[in-house]
């Protein structure tokens, strides 16, 4: 499974591992920042909280992944990845 994904992306094993680390750290930091931002707004944990939380992390995720990709040296990969996602979503 990982081998097919590595070949699809056309990256070395080291870059593949760095990309997975970026996805993991970016996603975790996005969830953490989303909770912190919503705690500043003082929304109690109701259905509305989860709708706003989902919208917040959906908007934060690309930013978190791009920022995390810079120290891992994967900025170009994630820039292209996010551009492909944008094309698929809005075309």
N, C-alpha and C. Protein backbone atom coordinates (compact mmCIF):
# COMPACT_ATOMS: atom_id res chain seq x y z
N UNK A 1 0.82 -1.19 0.00
CA UNK A 1 0.00 0.00 0.00
C UNK A 1 0.87 1.26 0.00
N UNK A 2 1.84 1.32 0.90
CA UNK A 2 2.70 2.49 0.96
C UNK A 2 3.57 2.60 -0.28
N UNK A 3 3.97 1.46 -0.80
CA UNK A 3 4.83 1.46 -1.99
C UNK A 3 4.09 2.07 -3.18
N UNK A 4 2.80 1.73 -3.35
CA UNK A 4 2.01 2.29 -4.45
C UNK A 4 1.85 3.80 -4.30
N UNK A 5 1.62 4.23 -3.08
CA UNK A 5 1.47 5.66 -2.83
C UNK A 5 2.77 6.40 -3.07
N UNK A 6 3.87 5.81 -2.64
CA UNK A 6 5.20 6.40 -2.86
C UNK A 6 5.47 6.53 -4.36
N UNK A 7 5.13 5.50 -5.12
CA UNK A 7 5.34 5.54 -6.57
C UNK A 7 4.41 6.54 -7.24
N UNK A 8 3.18 6.64 -6.75
CA UNK A 8 2.21 7.59 -7.31
C UNK A 8 2.71 9.02 -7.13
N UNK A 9 3.24 9.31 -5.94
CA UNK A 9 3.75 10.64 -5.67
C UNK A 9 5.12 10.87 -6.28
N UNK A 10 5.83 9.81 -6.61
CA UNK A 10 7.15 9.92 -7.22
C UNK A 10 8.20 10.49 -6.27
N UNK A 11 8.24 9.98 -5.06
CA UNK A 11 9.18 10.48 -4.06
C UNK A 11 10.03 9.34 -3.51
N UNK A 12 11.14 9.69 -2.89
CA UNK A 12 11.99 8.68 -2.24
C UNK A 12 11.35 8.27 -0.91
N UNK A 13 11.91 7.20 -0.31
CA UNK A 13 11.37 6.74 0.97
C UNK A 13 11.54 7.80 2.06
N UNK A 14 12.65 8.51 2.05
CA UNK A 14 12.86 9.56 3.05
C UNK A 14 11.81 10.66 2.90
N UNK A 15 11.60 11.11 1.66
CA UNK A 15 10.57 12.14 1.45
C UNK A 15 9.19 11.62 1.78
N UNK A 16 8.94 10.35 1.50
CA UNK A 16 7.65 9.75 1.83
C UNK A 16 7.40 9.79 3.33
N UNK A 17 8.41 9.45 4.11
CA UNK A 17 8.30 9.48 5.58
C UNK A 17 8.10 10.92 6.05
N UNK A 18 8.83 11.86 5.47
CA UNK A 18 8.68 13.26 5.85
C UNK A 18 7.29 13.79 5.49
N UNK A 19 6.75 13.34 4.37
CA UNK A 19 5.40 13.75 3.97
C UNK A 19 4.38 13.21 4.96
N UNK A 20 4.51 11.95 5.36
CA UNK A 20 3.58 11.38 6.35
C UNK A 20 3.70 12.10 7.69
N UNK A 21 4.92 12.43 8.10
CA UNK A 21 5.10 13.18 9.35
C UNK A 21 4.44 14.55 9.25
N UNK A 22 4.56 15.18 8.09
CA UNK A 22 3.93 16.49 7.90
C UNK A 22 2.42 16.38 7.98
N UNK A 23 1.85 15.35 7.33
CA UNK A 23 0.40 15.13 7.43
C UNK A 23 -0.02 14.93 8.89
N UNK A 24 0.72 14.12 9.62
CA UNK A 24 0.36 13.81 11.01
C UNK A 24 0.47 15.04 11.91
N UNK A 25 1.59 15.73 11.84
CA UNK A 25 1.80 16.89 12.71
C UNK A 25 0.88 18.04 12.30
N UNK A 26 0.70 18.22 11.00
CA UNK A 26 -0.20 19.28 10.52
C UNK A 26 -1.63 19.04 10.94
N UNK A 27 -2.10 17.80 10.83
CA UNK A 27 -3.46 17.47 11.25
C UNK A 27 -3.66 17.61 12.74
N UNK A 28 -2.68 17.15 13.51
CA UNK A 28 -2.78 17.27 14.97
C UNK A 28 -2.76 18.72 15.42
N UNK A 29 -1.88 19.50 14.83
CA UNK A 29 -1.80 20.91 15.21
C UNK A 29 -3.07 21.65 14.79
N UNK A 30 -3.65 21.25 13.69
CA UNK A 30 -4.90 21.86 13.24
C UNK A 30 -6.02 21.60 14.24
N UNK A 31 -6.14 20.37 14.72
CA UNK A 31 -7.15 20.05 15.73
C UNK A 31 -6.93 20.82 17.02
N UNK A 32 -5.67 20.91 17.44
CA UNK A 32 -5.33 21.64 18.66
C UNK A 32 -5.66 23.12 18.53
N UNK A 33 -5.25 23.73 17.40
CA UNK A 33 -5.54 25.15 17.19
C UNK A 33 -7.04 25.41 17.09
N UNK A 34 -7.76 24.49 16.45
CA UNK A 34 -9.21 24.64 16.35
C UNK A 34 -9.87 24.68 17.72
N UNK A 35 -9.45 23.78 18.61
CA UNK A 35 -10.00 23.77 19.97
C UNK A 35 -9.65 25.05 20.72
N UNK A 36 -8.40 25.49 20.57
CA UNK A 36 -7.99 26.73 21.26
C UNK A 36 -8.76 27.93 20.74
N UNK A 37 -8.95 28.02 19.43
CA UNK A 37 -9.71 29.15 18.87
C UNK A 37 -11.15 29.13 19.36
N UNK A 38 -11.76 27.96 19.41
CA UNK A 38 -13.15 27.90 19.87
C UNK A 38 -13.28 28.14 21.36
N UNK A 39 -12.23 27.85 22.11
CA UNK A 39 -12.30 28.15 23.55
C UNK A 39 -12.26 29.66 23.78
N UNK A 40 -11.66 30.40 22.86
CA UNK A 40 -11.65 31.86 22.97
C UNK A 40 -13.02 32.46 22.69
N UNK A 41 -13.83 31.77 21.91
CA UNK A 41 -15.15 32.26 21.53
C UNK A 41 -16.20 31.92 22.58
N UNK A 42 -15.88 31.00 23.48
CA UNK A 42 -16.77 30.59 24.57
C UNK A 42 -18.08 29.96 24.08
N UNK A 43 -17.95 29.05 23.13
CA UNK A 43 -19.12 28.30 22.67
C UNK A 43 -19.19 27.02 23.49
N UNK A 44 -20.37 26.75 24.09
CA UNK A 44 -20.50 25.51 24.86
C UNK A 44 -20.58 24.33 23.89
N UNK A 45 -20.29 23.13 24.40
CA UNK A 45 -20.21 21.96 23.52
C UNK A 45 -21.60 21.44 23.19
N UNK A 46 -22.18 22.06 22.21
CA UNK A 46 -23.48 21.64 21.69
C UNK A 46 -23.27 21.24 20.23
N UNK A 47 -24.36 21.00 19.53
CA UNK A 47 -24.26 20.65 18.10
C UNK A 47 -23.63 21.81 17.33
N UNK A 48 -23.94 23.03 17.71
CA UNK A 48 -23.38 24.20 17.03
C UNK A 48 -21.85 24.24 17.19
N UNK A 49 -21.35 23.87 18.34
CA UNK A 49 -19.91 23.83 18.58
C UNK A 49 -19.22 22.91 17.58
N UNK A 50 -19.78 21.72 17.37
CA UNK A 50 -19.15 20.77 16.47
C UNK A 50 -19.23 21.21 15.01
N UNK A 51 -20.29 21.89 14.64
CA UNK A 51 -20.39 22.43 13.27
C UNK A 51 -19.32 23.49 13.06
N UNK A 52 -19.18 24.40 14.03
CA UNK A 52 -18.17 25.46 13.93
C UNK A 52 -16.76 24.87 14.00
N UNK A 53 -16.56 23.86 14.84
CA UNK A 53 -15.26 23.20 14.96
C UNK A 53 -14.87 22.55 13.63
N UNK A 54 -15.80 21.83 13.02
CA UNK A 54 -15.53 21.19 11.74
C UNK A 54 -15.19 22.22 10.67
N UNK A 55 -15.94 23.32 10.62
CA UNK A 55 -15.66 24.37 9.65
C UNK A 55 -14.29 25.01 9.92
N UNK A 56 -13.97 25.19 11.19
CA UNK A 56 -12.69 25.81 11.56
C UNK A 56 -11.51 24.93 11.15
N UNK A 57 -11.58 23.65 11.45
CA UNK A 57 -10.44 22.80 11.10
C UNK A 57 -10.35 22.59 9.59
N UNK A 58 -11.49 22.64 8.89
CA UNK A 58 -11.46 22.53 7.44
C UNK A 58 -10.72 23.71 6.83
N UNK A 59 -10.90 24.87 7.41
CA UNK A 59 -10.20 26.06 6.91
C UNK A 59 -8.75 26.15 7.39
N UNK A 60 -8.49 25.64 8.58
CA UNK A 60 -7.14 25.71 9.15
C UNK A 60 -6.18 24.66 8.58
N UNK A 61 -6.70 23.51 8.17
CA UNK A 61 -5.84 22.40 7.78
C UNK A 61 -4.82 22.76 6.69
N UNK A 62 -5.24 23.39 5.58
CA UNK A 62 -4.23 23.72 4.56
C UNK A 62 -3.14 24.64 5.09
N UNK A 63 -3.51 25.59 5.91
CA UNK A 63 -2.52 26.51 6.48
C UNK A 63 -1.55 25.78 7.39
N UNK A 64 -2.07 24.91 8.25
CA UNK A 64 -1.21 24.15 9.16
C UNK A 64 -0.25 23.25 8.40
N UNK A 65 -0.75 22.57 7.38
CA UNK A 65 0.10 21.65 6.62
C UNK A 65 1.19 22.42 5.87
N UNK A 66 0.85 23.54 5.30
CA UNK A 66 1.86 24.33 4.58
C UNK A 66 2.93 24.83 5.55
N UNK A 67 2.52 25.34 6.69
CA UNK A 67 3.49 25.85 7.67
C UNK A 67 4.38 24.73 8.18
N UNK A 68 3.82 23.57 8.48
CA UNK A 68 4.60 22.44 8.98
C UNK A 68 5.51 21.88 7.89
N UNK A 69 5.10 21.98 6.63
CA UNK A 69 5.91 21.41 5.55
C UNK A 69 7.22 22.17 5.33
N UNK A 70 7.29 23.41 5.73
CA UNK A 70 8.50 24.21 5.51
C UNK A 70 9.70 23.64 6.26
N UNK A 71 9.62 23.41 7.58
CA UNK A 71 10.81 22.85 8.24
C UNK A 71 11.14 21.42 7.81
N UNK A 72 10.15 20.68 7.31
CA UNK A 72 10.41 19.31 6.85
C UNK A 72 10.93 19.28 5.41
N UNK A 73 10.99 20.43 4.76
CA UNK A 73 11.49 20.49 3.39
C UNK A 73 10.53 19.95 2.35
N UNK A 74 9.26 19.94 2.65
CA UNK A 74 8.25 19.38 1.76
C UNK A 74 7.28 20.43 1.25
N UNK A 75 7.67 21.69 1.28
CA UNK A 75 6.78 22.78 0.89
C UNK A 75 6.29 22.63 -0.55
N UNK A 76 7.19 22.32 -1.48
CA UNK A 76 6.81 22.20 -2.88
C UNK A 76 5.79 21.08 -3.09
N UNK A 77 6.01 19.94 -2.43
CA UNK A 77 5.05 18.83 -2.55
C UNK A 77 3.67 19.27 -2.07
N UNK A 78 3.59 19.91 -0.91
CA UNK A 78 2.29 20.28 -0.35
C UNK A 78 1.65 21.44 -1.10
N UNK A 79 2.45 22.32 -1.65
CA UNK A 79 1.89 23.39 -2.47
C UNK A 79 1.19 22.77 -3.68
N UNK A 80 1.87 21.84 -4.35
CA UNK A 80 1.28 21.17 -5.50
C UNK A 80 0.08 20.31 -5.09
N UNK A 81 0.17 19.64 -3.96
CA UNK A 81 -0.92 18.80 -3.46
C UNK A 81 -2.17 19.64 -3.20
N UNK A 82 -2.00 20.78 -2.56
CA UNK A 82 -3.15 21.64 -2.26
C UNK A 82 -3.72 22.27 -3.52
N UNK A 83 -2.87 22.58 -4.49
CA UNK A 83 -3.37 23.11 -5.76
C UNK A 83 -4.21 22.07 -6.51
N UNK A 84 -3.78 20.79 -6.47
CA UNK A 84 -4.56 19.72 -7.08
C UNK A 84 -5.91 19.56 -6.37
N UNK A 85 -5.88 19.64 -5.04
CA UNK A 85 -7.14 19.54 -4.28
C UNK A 85 -8.08 20.68 -4.65
N UNK A 86 -7.54 21.87 -4.78
CA UNK A 86 -8.36 23.04 -5.13
C UNK A 86 -9.00 22.85 -6.51
N UNK A 87 -8.21 22.36 -7.48
CA UNK A 87 -8.74 22.12 -8.82
C UNK A 87 -9.87 21.10 -8.79
N UNK A 88 -9.69 20.02 -8.03
CA UNK A 88 -10.71 18.99 -7.95
C UNK A 88 -11.99 19.47 -7.27
N UNK A 89 -11.83 20.35 -6.30
CA UNK A 89 -12.99 20.82 -5.56
C UNK A 89 -13.77 21.89 -6.31
N UNK A 90 -13.08 22.75 -7.04
CA UNK A 90 -13.75 23.91 -7.63
C UNK A 90 -13.86 23.88 -9.15
N UNK A 91 -13.50 22.80 -9.78
CA UNK A 91 -13.68 22.68 -11.25
C UNK A 91 -14.78 21.74 -11.58
